[in-house]
C-alpha atoms as a PDB file:
ATOM      1  CA  MET A   1      51.370  -7.360  65.326  1.00  0.00           C
ATOM      2  CA  ARG A   2      52.763 -10.127  67.564  1.00  0.00           C
ATOM      3  CA  TYR A   3      55.977 -11.305  65.917  1.00  0.00           C
ATOM      4  CA  ILE A   4      59.131 -12.876  67.323  1.00  0.00           C
ATOM      5  CA  GLY A   5      61.876 -10.281  67.572  1.00  0.00           C
ATOM      6  CA  ASN A   6      59.524  -7.397  66.775  1.00  0.00           C
ATOM      7  CA  LYS A   7      61.538  -4.239  67.512  1.00  0.00           C
ATOM      8  CA  GLU A   8      58.603  -1.837  67.647  1.00  0.00           C
ATOM      9  CA  ASN A   9      58.925  -1.103  71.380  1.00  0.00           C
ATOM     10  CA  ILE A  10      62.692  -0.591  71.379  1.00  0.00           C
ATOM     11  CA  LEU A  11      63.283   1.313  68.148  1.00  0.00           C
ATOM     12  CA  ASP A  12      63.644   4.654  69.921  1.00  0.00           C
ATOM     13  CA  LYS A  13      66.459   3.200  72.049  1.00  0.00           C
ATOM     14  CA  ILE A  14      68.136   1.690  68.999  1.00  0.00           C
ATOM     15  CA  TYR A  15      67.918   5.008  67.159  1.00  0.00           C
ATOM     16  CA  LEU A  16      69.424   6.944  70.094  1.00  0.00           C
ATOM     17  CA  ILE A  17      72.344   4.515  70.201  1.00  0.00           C
ATOM     18  CA  LEU A  18      72.924   4.954  66.475  1.00  0.00           C
ATOM     19  CA  GLN A  19      72.865   8.727  66.860  1.00  0.00           C
ATOM     20  CA  LYS A  20      75.315   8.551  69.758  1.00  0.00           C
ATOM     21  CA  ASN A  21      77.684   6.583  67.525  1.00  0.00           C
ATOM     22  CA  ASN A  22      77.262   8.974  64.579  1.00  0.00           C
ATOM     23  CA  ILE A  23      75.498   6.367  62.450  1.00  0.00           C
ATOM     24  CA  SER A  24      73.331   8.282  60.013  1.00  0.00           C
ATOM     25  CA  GLY A  25      72.798   8.938  56.328  1.00  0.00           C
ATOM     26  CA  LYS A  26      70.099   9.054  53.684  1.00  0.00           C
ATOM     27  CA  THR A  27      69.644   5.390  52.717  1.00  0.00           C
ATOM     28  CA  PHE A  28      68.693   2.380  54.846  1.00  0.00           C
ATOM     29  CA  PHE A  29      68.412  -1.325  54.032  1.00  0.00           C
ATOM     30  CA  ASP A  30      66.239  -3.482  56.321  1.00  0.00           C
ATOM     31  CA  PHE A  31      67.744  -6.882  55.468  1.00  0.00           C
ATOM     32  CA  PHE A  32      65.238  -9.052  57.408  1.00  0.00           C
ATOM     33  CA  SER A  33      62.112  -6.936  57.246  1.00  0.00           C
ATOM     34  CA  GLY A  34      59.542  -9.121  59.057  1.00  0.00           C
ATOM     35  CA  THR A  35      56.708  -6.865  60.178  1.00  0.00           C
ATOM     36  CA  ALA A  36      58.356  -3.880  58.428  1.00  0.00           C
ATOM     37  CA  ASN A  37      58.322  -1.932  61.710  1.00  0.00           C
ATOM     38  CA  VAL A  38      62.007  -1.049  61.467  1.00  0.00           C
ATOM     39  CA  SER A  39      61.535   0.073  57.860  1.00  0.00           C
ATOM     40  CA  LYS A  40      58.521   2.162  58.891  1.00  0.00           C
ATOM     41  CA  PHE A  41      60.538   3.841  61.637  1.00  0.00           C
ATOM     42  CA  PHE A  42      63.334   4.863  59.285  1.00  0.00           C
ATOM     43  CA  LYS A  43      60.875   5.836  56.585  1.00  0.00           C
ATOM     44  CA  GLU A  44      59.423   8.284  59.103  1.00  0.00           C
ATOM     45  CA  LYS A  45      62.977   9.592  59.624  1.00  0.00           C
ATOM     46  CA  ASN A  46      62.952  10.384  55.893  1.00  0.00           C
ATOM     47  CA  TYR A  47      65.475   7.770  54.815  1.00  0.00           C
ATOM     48  CA  GLN A  48      65.138   6.178  51.405  1.00  0.00           C
ATOM     49  CA  VAL A  49      64.318   2.650  52.536  1.00  0.00           C
ATOM     50  CA  PHE A  50      65.133  -0.672  50.920  1.00  0.00           C
ATOM     51  CA  SER A  51      63.683  -3.774  52.560  1.00  0.00           C
ATOM     52  CA  SER A  52      63.429  -7.483  51.917  1.00  0.00           C
ATOM     53  CA  ASP A  53      62.088 -10.684  53.397  1.00  0.00           C
ATOM     54  CA  ILE A  54      61.649 -14.223  52.096  1.00  0.00           C
ATOM     55  CA  LEU A  55      58.115 -14.480  53.507  1.00  0.00           C
ATOM     56  CA  PHE A  56      55.300 -13.223  51.287  1.00  0.00           C
ATOM     57  CA  LEU A  57      53.310 -12.016  54.291  1.00  0.00           C
ATOM     58  CA  SER A  58      56.181  -9.638  55.053  1.00  0.00           C
ATOM     59  CA  TYR A  59      56.312  -8.531  51.427  1.00  0.00           C
ATOM     60  CA  CYS A  60      52.631  -7.565  51.633  1.00  0.00           C
ATOM     61  CA  LEU A  61      53.371  -5.366  54.649  1.00  0.00           C
ATOM     62  CA  GLN A  62      56.431  -3.876  52.956  1.00  0.00           C
ATOM     63  CA  LYS A  63      54.484  -3.069  49.782  1.00  0.00           C
ATOM     64  CA  ALA A  64      51.733  -1.375  51.758  1.00  0.00           C
ATOM     65  CA  TYR A  65      53.811   0.504  54.326  1.00  0.00           C
ATOM     66  CA  ILE A  66      57.214   1.080  52.728  1.00  0.00           C
ATOM     67  CA  GLU A  67      57.026   1.161  48.940  1.00  0.00           C
ATOM     68  CA  ASN A  68      53.616   2.815  48.865  1.00  0.00           C
ATOM     69  CA  ASN A  69      53.456   6.562  49.537  1.00  0.00           C
ATOM     70  CA  GLU A  70      49.823   7.246  48.649  1.00  0.00           C
ATOM     71  CA  SER A  71      46.546   6.805  50.459  1.00  0.00           C
ATOM     72  CA  PRO A  72      44.366   4.559  48.282  1.00  0.00           C
ATOM     73  CA  LYS A  73      41.554   6.210  46.367  1.00  0.00           C
ATOM     74  CA  PHE A  74      39.851   3.062  45.016  1.00  0.00           C
ATOM     75  CA  ASP A  75      38.610   5.072  42.043  1.00  0.00           C
ATOM     76  CA  LYS A  76      37.233   2.045  40.177  1.00  0.00           C
ATOM     77  CA  LEU A  77      35.631   0.509  43.239  1.00  0.00           C
ATOM     78  CA  ILE A  78      34.263   3.213  45.482  1.00  0.00           C
ATOM     79  CA  ASP A  79      31.113   3.918  43.433  1.00  0.00           C
ATOM     80  CA  ILE A  80      30.121   0.300  42.818  1.00  0.00           C
ATOM     81  CA  ILE A  81      30.296  -1.205  46.310  1.00  0.00           C
ATOM     82  CA  PRO A  82      27.214  -0.921  48.524  1.00  0.00           C
ATOM     83  CA  LYS A  83      27.509   1.638  51.316  1.00  0.00           C
ATOM     84  CA  ASN A  84      26.572   0.795  54.900  1.00  0.00           C
ATOM     85  CA  GLU A  85      24.119   3.101  56.653  1.00  0.00           C
ATOM     86  CA  SER A  86      26.479   3.226  59.607  1.00  0.00           C
ATOM     87  CA  ASP A  87      29.398   4.471  57.472  1.00  0.00           C
ATOM     88  CA  ASN A  88      30.915   7.777  58.521  1.00  0.00           C
ATOM     89  CA  LEU A  89      30.133  10.514  56.001  1.00  0.00           C
ATOM     90  CA  PHE A  90      33.738  11.651  56.299  1.00  0.00           C
ATOM     91  CA  ALA A  91      35.230   8.158  55.953  1.00  0.00           C
ATOM     92  CA  THR A  92      38.323   7.784  53.811  1.00  0.00           C
ATOM     93  CA  PRO A  93      38.083   5.537  50.737  1.00  0.00           C
ATOM     94  CA  LEU A  94      40.068   2.875  52.619  1.00  0.00           C
ATOM     95  CA  GLU A  95      37.680   3.017  55.558  1.00  0.00           C
ATOM     96  CA  THR A  96      34.721   2.733  53.191  1.00  0.00           C
ATOM     97  CA  VAL A  97      36.139  -0.323  51.405  1.00  0.00           C
ATOM     98  CA  VAL A  98      37.129  -2.026  54.656  1.00  0.00           C
ATOM     99  CA  SER A  99      33.671  -1.352  56.071  1.00  0.00           C
ATOM    100  CA  TYR A 100      32.172  -3.094  53.040  1.00  0.00           C
ATOM    101  CA  LEU A 101      34.503  -6.073  53.426  1.00  0.00           C
ATOM    102  CA  ASN A 102      33.454  -6.367  57.052  1.00  0.00           C
ATOM    103  CA  SER A 103      29.813  -6.596  55.966  1.00  0.00           C
ATOM    104  CA  ILE A 104      30.038  -9.398  53.399  1.00  0.00           C
ATOM    105  CA  LYS A 105      28.759 -12.886  54.107  1.00  0.00           C
ATOM    106  CA  GLY A 106      31.238 -15.524  55.220  1.00  0.00           C
ATOM    107  CA  VAL A 107      32.427 -18.261  52.857  1.00  0.00           C
ATOM    108  CA  GLU A 108      33.411 -21.839  53.664  1.00  0.00           C
ATOM    109  CA  GLY A 109      36.782 -21.539  51.936  1.00  0.00           C
ATOM    110  CA  PHE A 110      40.294 -22.830  52.544  1.00  0.00           C
ATOM    111  CA  ILE A 111      40.817 -21.260  55.981  1.00  0.00           C
ATOM    112  CA  TYR A 112      37.427 -22.418  57.263  1.00  0.00           C
ATOM    113  CA  LYS A 113      37.974 -25.942  55.929  1.00  0.00           C
ATOM    114  CA  ASN A 114      41.440 -26.313  57.448  1.00  0.00           C
ATOM    115  CA  TYR A 115      41.727 -24.155  60.572  1.00  0.00           C
ATOM    116  CA  THR A 116      38.307 -24.120  62.295  1.00  0.00           C
ATOM    117  CA  PRO A 117      36.667 -26.802  64.450  1.00  0.00           C
ATOM    118  CA  SER A 118      33.757 -27.495  62.074  1.00  0.00           C
ATOM    119  CA  GLY A 119      35.985 -27.435  59.022  1.00  0.00           C
ATOM    120  CA  THR A 120      38.318 -30.018  60.561  1.00  0.00           C
ATOM    121  CA  GLU A 121      35.770 -32.121  62.440  1.00  0.00           C
ATOM    122  CA  ASN A 122      36.771 -35.226  60.455  1.00  0.00           C
ATOM    123  CA  LEU A 123      40.421 -34.993  61.479  1.00  0.00           C
ATOM    124  CA  PRO A 124      41.739 -36.980  64.475  1.00  0.00           C
ATOM    125  CA  ARG A 125      42.177 -33.636  66.232  1.00  0.00           C
ATOM    126  CA  GLN A 126      40.207 -30.541  65.313  1.00  0.00           C
ATOM    127  CA  ARG A 127      42.244 -27.412  64.609  1.00  0.00           C
ATOM    128  CA  LEU A 128      41.162 -24.564  66.863  1.00  0.00           C
ATOM    129  CA  TYR A 129      42.903 -21.622  65.230  1.00  0.00           C
ATOM    130  CA  PHE A 130      39.724 -19.656  64.479  1.00  0.00           C
ATOM    131  CA  ILE A 131      36.093 -19.989  65.437  1.00  0.00           C
ATOM    132  CA  ASP A 132      33.944 -21.097  62.506  1.00  0.00           C
ATOM    133  CA  GLU A 133      32.489 -17.685  61.760  1.00  0.00           C
ATOM    134  CA  ASN A 134      35.872 -15.964  61.732  1.00  0.00           C
ATOM    135  CA  GLY A 135      37.315 -18.609  59.435  1.00  0.00           C
ATOM    136  CA  LYS A 136      34.473 -17.873  57.004  1.00  0.00           C
ATOM    137  CA  ARG A 137      35.030 -14.128  57.348  1.00  0.00           C
ATOM    138  CA  ILE A 138      38.717 -14.469  56.514  1.00  0.00           C
ATOM    139  CA  ASP A 139      37.892 -16.556  53.441  1.00  0.00           C
ATOM    140  CA  ALA A 140      35.231 -14.149  52.218  1.00  0.00           C
ATOM    141  CA  ILE A 141      37.430 -11.077  52.617  1.00  0.00           C
ATOM    142  CA  ARG A 142      40.484 -12.715  51.066  1.00  0.00           C
ATOM    143  CA  LEU A 143      38.510 -14.052  48.085  1.00  0.00           C
ATOM    144  CA  LYS A 144      36.855 -10.677  47.496  1.00  0.00           C
ATOM    145  CA  ILE A 145      40.231  -8.889  47.478  1.00  0.00           C
ATOM    146  CA  GLU A 146      41.558 -11.403  44.946  1.00  0.00           C
ATOM    147  CA  ASP A 147      38.437 -11.071  42.821  1.00  0.00           C
ATOM    148  CA  TRP A 148      38.824  -7.289  42.700  1.00  0.00           C
ATOM    149  CA  LYS A 149      42.455  -7.687  41.670  1.00  0.00           C
ATOM    150  CA  ASN A 150      41.617 -10.181  38.916  1.00  0.00           C
ATOM    151  CA  LYS A 151      38.940  -7.844  37.563  1.00  0.00           C
ATOM    152  CA  SER A 152      41.362  -4.880  37.635  1.00  0.00           C
ATOM    153  CA  LEU A 153      39.075  -3.028  40.025  1.00  0.00           C
ATOM    154  CA  ILE A 154      41.958  -2.245  42.368  1.00  0.00           C
ATOM    155  CA  SER A 155      45.541  -1.200  41.689  1.00  0.00           C
ATOM    156  CA  GLU A 156      48.593  -3.113  42.862  1.00  0.00           C
ATOM    157  CA  ASN A 157      49.089  -0.676  45.741  1.00  0.00           C
ATOM    158  CA  GLU A 158      45.439  -0.985  46.769  1.00  0.00           C
ATOM    159  CA  TYR A 159      45.704  -4.785  46.618  1.00  0.00           C
ATOM    160  CA  PHE A 160      48.649  -4.906  48.990  1.00  0.00           C
ATOM    161  CA  ILE A 161      47.162  -2.304  51.318  1.00  0.00           C
ATOM    162  CA  LEU A 162      44.036  -4.445  51.729  1.00  0.00           C
ATOM    163  CA  LEU A 163      46.148  -7.572  52.266  1.00  0.00           C
ATOM    164  CA  ALA A 164      48.161  -5.732  54.915  1.00  0.00           C
ATOM    165  CA  CYS A 165      44.938  -4.675  56.651  1.00  0.00           C
ATOM    166  CA  LEU A 166      43.789  -8.297  56.745  1.00  0.00           C
ATOM    167  CA  ILE A 167      47.159  -9.745  57.834  1.00  0.00           C
ATOM    168  CA  GLU A 168      47.479  -7.275  60.689  1.00  0.00           C
ATOM    169  CA  THR A 169      43.908  -7.967  61.796  1.00  0.00           C
ATOM    170  CA  ILE A 170      44.298 -11.752  62.063  1.00  0.00           C
ATOM    171  CA  GLY A 171      46.407 -11.714  65.220  1.00  0.00           C
ATOM    172  CA  PHE A 172      43.631 -10.067  67.217  1.00  0.00           C
ATOM    173  CA  TYR A 173      41.337 -13.067  66.626  1.00  0.00           C
ATOM    174  CA  SER A 174      43.755 -16.033  66.513  1.00  0.00           C
ATOM    175  CA  ASN A 175      43.605 -18.741  69.151  1.00  0.00           C
ATOM    176  CA  VAL A 176      47.379 -18.838  69.651  1.00  0.00           C
ATOM    177  CA  ALA A 177      49.929 -17.778  72.238  1.00  0.00           C
ATOM    178  CA  GLY A 178      51.747 -15.546  69.772  1.00  0.00           C
ATOM    179  CA  VAL A 179      52.959 -17.777  66.960  1.00  0.00           C
ATOM    180  CA  TYR A 180      51.014 -20.196  64.751  1.00  0.00           C
ATOM    181  CA  ALA A 181      53.118 -23.321  65.254  1.00  0.00           C
ATOM    182  CA  ALA A 182      50.438 -24.453  67.738  1.00  0.00           C
ATOM    183  CA  PHE A 183      46.922 -23.504  68.846  1.00  0.00           C
ATOM    184  CA  HIS A 184      45.312 -23.409  72.286  1.00  0.00           C
ATOM    185  CA  LYS A 185      43.320 -26.451  73.380  1.00  0.00           C
ATOM    186  CA  SER A 186      40.567 -24.152  74.655  1.00  0.00           C
ATOM    187  CA  TRP A 187      39.421 -20.784  73.354  1.00  0.00           C
ATOM    188  CA  ASP A 188      41.258 -17.591  74.195  1.00  0.00           C
ATOM    189  CA  PRO A 189      38.634 -14.858  74.793  1.00  0.00           C
ATOM    190  CA  ARG A 190      40.105 -12.771  71.952  1.00  0.00           C
ATOM    191  CA  ALA A 191      39.431 -15.580  69.469  1.00  0.00           C
ATOM    192  CA  LEU A 192      35.717 -15.637  70.295  1.00  0.00           C
ATOM    193  CA  LYS A 193      35.092 -12.077  69.129  1.00  0.00           C
ATOM    194  CA  PRO A 194      33.689 -11.480  65.624  1.00  0.00           C
ATOM    195  CA  LEU A 195      36.542 -10.580  63.292  1.00  0.00           C
ATOM    196  CA  THR A 196      36.497  -6.987  62.132  1.00  0.00           C
ATOM    197  CA  MET A 197      39.163  -5.920  59.678  1.00  0.00           C
ATOM    198  CA  ARG A 198      41.116  -2.821  60.632  1.00  0.00           C
ATOM    199  CA  THR A 199      42.716  -0.153  58.471  1.00  0.00           C
ATOM    200  CA  ILE A 200      46.407   0.726  58.374  1.00  0.00           C
ATOM    201  CA  GLN A 201      48.065   4.123  58.392  1.00  0.00           C
ATOM    202  CA  ILE A 202      49.826   5.271  55.221  1.00  0.00           C
ATOM    203  CA  LEU A 203      53.058   7.258  55.435  1.00  0.00           C
ATOM    204  CA  ASN A 204      54.498   9.353  52.605  1.00  0.00           C
ATOM    205  CA  ASN A 205      58.188  10.250  52.857  1.00  0.00           C
ATOM    206  CA  ASN A 206      58.466  11.423  49.231  1.00  0.00           C
ATOM    207  CA  GLN A 207      61.211   8.883  48.588  1.00  0.00           C
ATOM    208  CA  GLU A 208      61.433   6.038  46.107  1.00  0.00           C
ATOM    209  CA  ASN A 209      61.391   3.190  48.608  1.00  0.00           C
ATOM    210  CA  ILE A 210      62.001  -0.276  47.153  1.00  0.00           C
ATOM    211  CA  VAL A 211      60.985  -3.643  48.607  1.00  0.00           C
ATOM    212  CA  TYR A 212      61.755  -7.258  47.742  1.00  0.00           C
ATOM    213  CA  ASN A 213      60.276 -10.700  48.355  1.00  0.00           C
ATOM    214  CA  ASP A 214      63.589 -12.534  48.218  1.00  0.00           C
ATOM    215  CA  ASP A 215      66.368 -14.147  50.191  1.00  0.00           C
ATOM    216  CA  SER A 216      68.308 -10.994  50.999  1.00  0.00           C
ATOM    217  CA  MET A 217      71.573 -12.837  50.403  1.00  0.00           C
ATOM    218  CA  ASN A 218      70.702 -12.495  46.704  1.00  0.00           C
ATOM    219  CA  LEU A 219      70.744  -8.707  47.008  1.00  0.00           C
ATOM    220  CA  LEU A 220      74.237  -8.111  48.405  1.00  0.00           C
ATOM    221  CA  ASP A 221      75.618  -6.526  45.242  1.00  0.00           C
ATOM    222  CA  LYS A 222      72.399  -4.781  44.224  1.00  0.00           C
ATOM    223  CA  ILE A 223      71.867  -2.235  47.012  1.00  0.00           C
ATOM    224  CA  ASP A 224      74.328   0.411  48.240  1.00  0.00           C
ATOM    225  CA  VAL A 225      73.303   2.168  51.461  1.00  0.00           C
ATOM    226  CA  ASP A 226      74.512   4.277  54.353  1.00  0.00           C
ATOM    227  CA  ILE A 227      73.025   1.897  56.933  1.00  0.00           C
ATOM    228  CA  LEU A 228      72.667  -1.847  56.462  1.00  0.00           C
ATOM    229  CA  TYR A 229      70.477  -3.133  59.291  1.00  0.00           C
ATOM    230  CA  LEU A 230      70.451  -6.844  60.145  1.00  0.00           C
ATOM    231  CA  ASP A 231      67.828  -8.291  62.463  1.00  0.00           C
ATOM    232  CA  PRO A 232      68.125 -12.037  61.764  1.00  0.00           C
ATOM    233  CA  PRO A 233      66.545 -14.986  63.578  1.00  0.00           C
ATOM    234  CA  TYR A 234      68.515 -15.590  66.757  1.00  0.00           C
ATOM    235  CA  ASN A 235      67.481 -19.152  67.660  1.00  0.00           C
ATOM    236  CA  GLU A 236      66.988 -22.436  65.825  1.00  0.00           C
ATOM    237  CA  ARG A 237      63.250 -21.966  65.245  1.00  0.00           C
ATOM    238  CA  GLN A 238      62.413 -20.962  61.703  1.00  0.00           C
ATOM    239  CA  TYR A 239      60.016 -18.055  61.112  1.00  0.00           C
ATOM    240  CA  ALA A 240      58.078 -19.694  58.279  1.00  0.00           C
ATOM    241  CA  PRO A 241      56.420 -22.456  60.372  1.00  0.00           C
ATOM    242  CA  ASN A 242      55.736 -20.013  63.186  1.00  0.00           C
ATOM    243  CA  TYR A 243      53.654 -17.846  60.848  1.00  0.00           C
ATOM    244  CA  HIS A 244      52.462 -20.450  58.341  1.00  0.00           C
ATOM    245  CA  ILE A 245      48.791 -19.473  58.499  1.00  0.00           C
ATOM    246  CA  LEU A 246      49.525 -15.798  57.854  1.00  0.00           C
ATOM    247  CA  GLU A 247      51.653 -16.861  54.888  1.00  0.00           C
ATOM    248  CA  THR A 248      48.783 -18.976  53.563  1.00  0.00           C
ATOM    249  CA  ILE A 249      46.269 -16.169  54.011  1.00  0.00           C
ATOM    250  CA  ALA A 250      48.634 -13.760  52.246  1.00  0.00           C
ATOM    251  CA  LYS A 251      49.220 -16.083  49.291  1.00  0.00           C
ATOM    252  CA  TYR A 252      45.857 -17.875  49.421  1.00  0.00           C
ATOM    253  CA  ASP A 253      47.427 -20.590  47.301  1.00  0.00           C
ATOM    254  CA  GLU A 254      45.653 -23.557  48.926  1.00  0.00           C
ATOM    255  CA  PRO A 255      48.867 -25.450  49.735  1.00  0.00           C
ATOM    256  CA  GLU A 256      49.086 -29.097  50.721  1.00  0.00           C
ATOM    257  CA  LEU A 257      49.000 -29.260  54.504  1.00  0.00           C
ATOM    258  CA  ARG A 258      50.503 -31.685  56.995  1.00  0.00           C
ATOM    259  CA  GLY A 259      50.386 -32.482  60.672  1.00  0.00           C
ATOM    260  CA  VAL A 260      48.156 -31.535  63.569  1.00  0.00           C
ATOM    261  CA  THR A 261      48.646 -27.823  62.903  1.00  0.00           C
ATOM    262  CA  GLY A 262      48.086 -27.912  59.133  1.00  0.00           C
ATOM    263  CA  MET A 263      51.608 -26.771  58.276  1.00  0.00           C
ATOM    264  CA  ARG A 264      52.466 -25.691  54.729  1.00  0.00           C
ATOM    265  CA  ASP A 265      55.772 -26.694  53.157  1.00  0.00           C
ATOM    266  CA  TYR A 266      58.459 -24.148  54.026  1.00  0.00           C
ATOM    267  CA  SER A 267      61.565 -25.951  52.756  1.00  0.00           C
ATOM    268  CA  SER A 268      62.346 -23.084  50.366  1.00  0.00           C
ATOM    269  CA  GLN A 269      61.999 -20.429  53.096  1.00  0.00           C
ATOM    270  CA  LYS A 270      64.473 -21.661  55.705  1.00  0.00           C
ATOM    271  CA  SER A 271      66.985 -19.204  57.118  1.00  0.00           C
ATOM    272  CA  ARG A 272      70.628 -20.168  57.545  1.00  0.00           C
ATOM    273  CA  PHE A 273      70.697 -17.840  60.548  1.00  0.00           C
ATOM    274  CA  CYS A 274      68.837 -20.527  62.508  1.00  0.00           C
ATOM    275  CA  ASN A 275      72.055 -22.568  62.623  1.00  0.00           C
ATOM    276  CA  PRO A 276      75.079 -21.141  64.507  1.00  0.00           C
ATOM    277  CA  ASN A 277      77.631 -22.273  61.932  1.00  0.00           C
ATOM    278  CA  THR A 278      75.824 -21.197  58.772  1.00  0.00           C
ATOM    279  CA  ALA A 279      74.708 -17.990  60.524  1.00  0.00           C
ATOM    280  CA  LEU A 280      78.320 -16.936  61.043  1.00  0.00           C
ATOM    281  CA  GLU A 281      79.157 -17.933  57.468  1.00  0.00           C
ATOM    282  CA  ASP A 282      76.392 -15.718  56.085  1.00  0.00           C
ATOM    283  CA  LEU A 283      77.230 -12.873  58.457  1.00  0.00           C
ATOM    284  CA  ASP A 284      80.755 -12.957  57.071  1.00  0.00           C
ATOM    285  CA  LYS A 285      79.433 -12.932  53.483  1.00  0.00           C
ATOM    286  CA  ILE A 286      77.210  -9.957  54.236  1.00  0.00           C
ATOM    287  CA  ALA A 287      79.928  -7.946  55.982  1.00  0.00           C
ATOM    288  CA  LYS A 288      82.398  -8.723  53.197  1.00  0.00           C
ATOM    289  CA  ASN A 289      80.274  -8.412  50.064  1.00  0.00           C
ATOM    290  CA  ALA A 290      77.375  -6.055  50.792  1.00  0.00           C
ATOM    291  CA  LYS A 291      77.588  -2.373  49.875  1.00  0.00           C
ATOM    292  CA  TYR A 292      77.285  -0.143  52.949  1.00  0.00           C
ATOM    293  CA  LYS A 293      78.997   2.502  55.052  1.00  0.00           C
ATOM    294  CA  ASN A 294      77.687   1.216  58.368  1.00  0.00           C
ATOM    295  CA  LEU A 295      76.439  -2.240  59.280  1.00  0.00           C
ATOM    296  CA  VAL A 296      74.235  -2.663  62.342  1.00  0.00           C
ATOM    297  CA  LEU A 297      73.502  -6.157  63.646  1.00  0.00           C
ATOM    298  CA  SER A 298      70.619  -6.198  66.117  1.00  0.00           C
ATOM    299  CA  TYR A 299      70.852  -9.416  68.085  1.00  0.00           C
ATOM    300  CA  ASN A 300      69.650 -11.141  71.239  1.00  0.00           C
ATOM    301  CA  SER A 301      72.057 -11.829  74.114  1.00  0.00           C
ATOM    302  CA  GLU A 302      70.777 -15.425  74.142  1.00  0.00           C
ATOM    303  CA  GLY A 303      71.239 -15.834  70.395  1.00  0.00           C
ATOM    304  CA  ILE A 304      72.940 -18.876  68.892  1.00  0.00           C
ATOM    305  CA  MET A 305      75.871 -16.864  67.475  1.00  0.00           C
ATOM    306  CA  PRO A 306      78.379 -16.276  70.326  1.00  0.00           C
ATOM    307  CA  SER A 307      79.225 -12.627  70.910  1.00  0.00           C
ATOM    308  CA  ASP A 308      82.983 -13.152  70.575  1.00  0.00           C
ATOM    309  CA  ARG A 309      82.523 -14.909  67.222  1.00  0.00           C
ATOM    310  CA  ILE A 310      80.301 -12.091  65.945  1.00  0.00           C
ATOM    311  CA  ILE A 311      82.894  -9.484  66.876  1.00  0.00           C
ATOM    312  CA  GLU A 312      85.694 -11.612  65.411  1.00  0.00           C
ATOM    313  CA  THR A 313      83.759 -11.925  62.141  1.00  0.00           C
ATOM    314  CA  LEU A 314      82.892  -8.236  61.812  1.00  0.00           C
ATOM    315  CA  ASN A 315      86.319  -6.996  62.922  1.00  0.00           C
ATOM    316  CA  GLN A 316      87.772  -8.143  59.611  1.00  0.00           C
ATOM    317  CA  TYR A 317      85.953  -5.372  57.780  1.00  0.00           C
ATOM    318  CA  GLY A 318      86.229  -2.287  59.954  1.00  0.00           C
ATOM    319  CA  THR A 319      85.795  -0.927  63.454  1.00  0.00           C
ATOM    320  CA  VAL A 320      83.256  -2.753  65.638  1.00  0.00           C
ATOM    321  CA  LYS A 321      81.495  -1.541  68.752  1.00  0.00           C
ATOM    322  CA  LEU A 322      78.988  -3.426  70.896  1.00  0.00           C
ATOM    323  CA  GLU A 323      76.159  -1.569  72.633  1.00  0.00           C
ATOM    324  CA  GLN A 324      73.395  -3.303  74.598  1.00  0.00           C
ATOM    325  CA  PHE A 325      70.376  -2.654  76.792  1.00  0.00           C
ATOM    326  CA  GLU A 326      67.883  -4.728  78.760  1.00  0.00           C
ATOM    327  CA  TYR A 327      64.248  -5.229  77.778  1.00  0.00           C
ATOM    328  CA  ALA A 328      61.311  -7.625  78.339  1.00  0.00           C
ATOM    329  CA  ARG A 329      61.621 -10.939  76.519  1.00  0.00           C
ATOM    330  CA  PHE A 330      59.009 -12.108  74.008  1.00  0.00           C
ATOM    331  CA  LYS A 331      56.551 -14.336  75.914  1.00  0.00           C
ATOM    332  CA  SER A 332      56.609 -17.184  73.416  1.00  0.00           C
ATOM    333  CA  ASN A 333      60.403 -17.426  73.734  1.00  0.00           C
ATOM    334  CA  ASN A 334      60.686 -17.992  77.463  1.00  0.00           C
ATOM    335  CA  ASN A 335      61.840 -21.597  77.073  1.00  0.00           C
ATOM    336  CA  GLY A 336      60.483 -22.386  80.529  1.00  0.00           C
ATOM    337  CA  LEU A 337      62.293 -19.435  82.103  1.00  0.00           C
ATOM    338  CA  ALA A 338      59.313 -17.097  82.439  1.00  0.00           C
ATOM    339  CA  LYS A 339      59.199 -17.256  86.235  1.00  0.00           C
ATOM    340  CA  THR A 340      62.920 -16.787  86.731  1.00  0.00           C
ATOM    341  CA  LYS A 341      64.071 -14.587  83.861  1.00  0.00           C
ATOM    342  CA  LYS A 342      61.776 -12.038  82.269  1.00  0.00           C
ATOM    343  CA  THR A 343      64.308  -9.809  80.540  1.00  0.00           C
ATOM    344  CA  VAL A 344      66.996 -10.182  77.926  1.00  0.00           C
ATOM    345  CA  TYR A 345      69.621  -7.893  76.396  1.00  0.00           C
ATOM    346  CA  GLU A 346      69.342  -6.386  72.953  1.00  0.00           C
ATOM    347  CA  GLN A 347      72.809  -6.207  71.449  1.00  0.00           C
ATOM    348  CA  LEU A 348      73.780  -3.771  68.719  1.00  0.00           C
ATOM    349  CA  TYR A 349      76.989  -4.638  66.895  1.00  0.00           C
ATOM    350  CA  ILE A 350      77.967  -1.497  64.997  1.00  0.00           C
ATOM    351  CA  LEU A 351      80.468  -1.920  62.180  1.00  0.00           C
ATOM    352  CA  LYS A 352      81.914   1.186  60.534  1.00  0.00           C
ATOM    353  CA  ARG A 353      83.406  -0.034  57.303  1.00  0.00           C
ATOM    354  CA  GLU A 354      86.988   0.801  56.453  1.00  0.00           C
ATOM    355  CA  GLU A 355      87.345   2.875  53.314  1.00  0.00           C
END
């Protein structure tokens, strides 16, 4: 899943650095969960994982990947949905249900009406996020999932697993450079392909993993862990507008839209880490008030919080060490520097709390 700051490709390096610095334990709190990739990594390492994010789209991924430990059986659904002749005889229940969802007829719903060329033909500028057919497919699948939930044909876990499958599929057919704050003026070849929903992989670590859809600052006194992992926004661009369509698909709440891109209101989902002053204030609150043995801040060398101020802030609460390594920058964050600077440093500020 294309997501600003996604750590998927560098998690092995981060983990090796933590091991080298004797940062380990049994419990892990992913404070800014995003795609839940960090949580998934530490779930695989058999940590009891706590995770949180203010975006509902992230909560859907957390519920499916982190809190859930069981492959869905769809007991109430599997015998009443039509089977496709092309279905694998050895398909899992999830594969069978997803195959059915991929076969249903498209619907001219909210996504079609607001994010496809035909649906927005009366606007001054058509929105080219999805081709017409894919907009209808998204609507049909999302409405069917909600209908099953309302009729109690699927469990809560099954509901969020299907939403996660849909959310993770969208990026493969979106006419965007990587984020949804803008769309291409012409069609990216990927966006022209018929949308086919994909399944996700379920991991069971036999732990009671707990996830939240909340501002994590509200959880400081609620969770006590060995490792508190912070991966906050590192520039002034908020995450909510960059992923507004995924948030709308996840909630399917038909929000009031504005602007050329059909932006939903995100005033209640702004992060204080997108401002250098309030970011340092909140970092101080976290380091001071949260319950942890080790705090790990994963940050970008071009982030808006200066390195010396970060160290100064964390030093008040224990011993701080900075580790860093170079890696390829996210393409949508080049700020015009793509031709001259293609790498950036990942910085790990490791705080061992004083007893």
